[in-house]
């Protein structure tokens, strides 16, 4: 509707800018829908004894002046990122 009824009355520069923004929006929406967000891989290099030590320990990190307690993931054997 916009492209048929409104665009003929707009200056060509505005139509070109609108078309460019539309194409970029569709491109980024398609990339977002089809891109793998990634995973944090499992720590395969850690033995059971070292994992047990980490499981009983606590770790905290300061982010923007706020202290955040990190949790140990028993399955992945990593400290979960905040």
C-alpha atoms as a PDB file:
ATOM      1  CA  UNK A   1       0.000   0.000   0.000  1.00  0.00           C
ATOM      2  CA  UNK A   2       2.795   2.412   0.943  1.00  0.00           C
ATOM      3  CA  UNK A   3       4.765   1.730  -2.211  1.00  0.00           C
ATOM      4  CA  UNK A   4       1.696   2.137  -4.463  1.00  0.00           C
ATOM      5  CA  UNK A   5      -0.139   5.107  -2.968  1.00  0.00           C
ATOM      6  CA  UNK A   6       2.405   7.165  -1.006  1.00  0.00           C
ATOM      7  CA  UNK A   7       5.703   6.765  -2.856  1.00  0.00           C
ATOM      8  CA  UNK A   8       4.609   8.349  -6.151  1.00  0.00           C
ATOM      9  CA  UNK A   9       4.064  11.613  -4.263  1.00  0.00           C
ATOM     10  CA  UNK A  10       7.445  11.594  -2.523  1.00  0.00           C
ATOM     11  CA  UNK A  11      10.713  12.986  -3.921  1.00  0.00           C
ATOM     12  CA  UNK A  12      12.945  10.362  -5.583  1.00  0.00           C
ATOM     13  CA  UNK A  13      15.611  10.705  -2.870  1.00  0.00           C
ATOM     14  CA  UNK A  14      13.071   9.790  -0.170  1.00  0.00           C
ATOM     15  CA  UNK A  15      11.848   6.803  -2.192  1.00  0.00           C
ATOM     16  CA  UNK A  16      15.428   5.588  -2.667  1.00  0.00           C
ATOM     17  CA  UNK A  17      16.153   5.994   1.057  1.00  0.00           C
ATOM     18  CA  UNK A  18      12.932   4.157   1.953  1.00  0.00           C
ATOM     19  CA  UNK A  19      13.748   1.333  -0.452  1.00  0.00           C
ATOM     20  CA  UNK A  20      17.273   1.028   0.958  1.00  0.00           C
ATOM     21  CA  UNK A  21      15.993   0.896   4.541  1.00  0.00           C
ATOM     22  CA  UNK A  22      13.379  -1.696   3.561  1.00  0.00           C
ATOM     23  CA  UNK A  23      15.973  -3.921   1.861  1.00  0.00           C
ATOM     24  CA  UNK A  24      18.384  -3.599   4.804  1.00  0.00           C
ATOM     25  CA  UNK A  25      15.613  -4.421   7.272  1.00  0.00           C
ATOM     26  CA  UNK A  26      14.609  -7.548   5.353  1.00  0.00           C
ATOM     27  CA  UNK A  27      18.270  -8.572   4.954  1.00  0.00           C
ATOM     28  CA  UNK A  28      19.074  -8.249   8.663  1.00  0.00           C
ATOM     29  CA  UNK A  29      15.820  -9.940   9.671  1.00  0.00           C
ATOM     30  CA  UNK A  30      16.666 -12.882   7.404  1.00  0.00           C
ATOM     31  CA  UNK A  31      20.221 -13.066   8.747  1.00  0.00           C
ATOM     32  CA  UNK A  32      18.957 -12.989  12.327  1.00  0.00           C
ATOM     33  CA  UNK A  33      16.452 -15.761  11.658  1.00  0.00           C
ATOM     34  CA  UNK A  34      18.987 -18.043   9.975  1.00  0.00           C
ATOM     35  CA  UNK A  35      22.198 -17.428  11.948  1.00  0.00           C
ATOM     36  CA  UNK A  36      23.344 -19.891  14.593  1.00  0.00           C
ATOM     37  CA  UNK A  37      23.562 -18.083  17.955  1.00  0.00           C
ATOM     38  CA  UNK A  38      26.430 -20.323  19.038  1.00  0.00           C
ATOM     39  CA  UNK A  39      27.040 -22.363  22.150  1.00  0.00           C
ATOM     40  CA  UNK A  40      29.589 -22.422  24.921  1.00  0.00           C
ATOM     41  CA  UNK A  41      31.456 -25.694  24.364  1.00  0.00           C
ATOM     42  CA  UNK A  42      31.854 -28.301  27.092  1.00  0.00           C
ATOM     43  CA  UNK A  43      35.180 -28.330  28.934  1.00  0.00           C
ATOM     44  CA  UNK A  44      36.459 -31.788  27.959  1.00  0.00           C
ATOM     45  CA  UNK A  45      39.987 -31.166  29.280  1.00  0.00           C
ATOM     46  CA  UNK A  46      38.982 -31.164  32.955  1.00  0.00           C
ATOM     47  CA  UNK A  47      39.059 -34.349  35.016  1.00  0.00           C
ATOM     48  CA  UNK A  48      36.448 -35.305  37.636  1.00  0.00           C
ATOM     49  CA  UNK A  49      38.563 -34.310  40.645  1.00  0.00           C
ATOM     50  CA  UNK A  50      39.142 -30.794  39.317  1.00  0.00           C
ATOM     51  CA  UNK A  51      35.449 -30.448  38.465  1.00  0.00           C
ATOM     52  CA  UNK A  52      34.509 -31.465  42.020  1.00  0.00           C
ATOM     53  CA  UNK A  53      36.803 -28.752  43.430  1.00  0.00           C
ATOM     54  CA  UNK A  54      35.125 -26.110  41.248  1.00  0.00           C
ATOM     55  CA  UNK A  55      31.653 -27.370  42.169  1.00  0.00           C
ATOM     56  CA  UNK A  56      32.280 -26.660  45.848  1.00  0.00           C
ATOM     57  CA  UNK A  57      33.955 -23.278  45.259  1.00  0.00           C
ATOM     58  CA  UNK A  58      32.237 -19.975  44.660  1.00  0.00           C
ATOM     59  CA  UNK A  59      33.264 -17.265  42.255  1.00  0.00           C
ATOM     60  CA  UNK A  60      32.005 -13.735  41.752  1.00  0.00           C
ATOM     61  CA  UNK A  61      32.656 -11.121  39.130  1.00  0.00           C
ATOM     62  CA  UNK A  62      32.157  -7.353  39.135  1.00  0.00           C
ATOM     63  CA  UNK A  63      30.198  -5.985  36.164  1.00  0.00           C
ATOM     64  CA  UNK A  64      29.607  -2.219  35.988  1.00  0.00           C
ATOM     65  CA  UNK A  65      30.181  -1.884  39.722  1.00  0.00           C
ATOM     66  CA  UNK A  66      27.744  -4.696  40.626  1.00  0.00           C
ATOM     67  CA  UNK A  67      29.072  -7.934  42.088  1.00  0.00           C
ATOM     68  CA  UNK A  68      27.497 -10.991  40.432  1.00  0.00           C
ATOM     69  CA  UNK A  69      27.854 -14.515  41.787  1.00  0.00           C
ATOM     70  CA  UNK A  70      28.705 -17.064  39.075  1.00  0.00           C
ATOM     71  CA  UNK A  71      27.265 -20.572  39.057  1.00  0.00           C
ATOM     72  CA  UNK A  72      29.178 -23.753  38.230  1.00  0.00           C
ATOM     73  CA  UNK A  73      27.617 -25.911  35.504  1.00  0.00           C
ATOM     74  CA  UNK A  74      28.163 -29.593  36.375  1.00  0.00           C
ATOM     75  CA  UNK A  75      27.349 -30.780  32.852  1.00  0.00           C
ATOM     76  CA  UNK A  76      29.546 -28.372  30.872  1.00  0.00           C
ATOM     77  CA  UNK A  77      32.196 -27.980  33.580  1.00  0.00           C
ATOM     78  CA  UNK A  78      32.406 -24.206  33.180  1.00  0.00           C
ATOM     79  CA  UNK A  79      31.459 -21.151  35.211  1.00  0.00           C
ATOM     80  CA  UNK A  80      28.254 -19.851  33.620  1.00  0.00           C
ATOM     81  CA  UNK A  81      28.720 -16.384  32.122  1.00  0.00           C
ATOM     82  CA  UNK A  82      26.645 -13.588  33.670  1.00  0.00           C
END
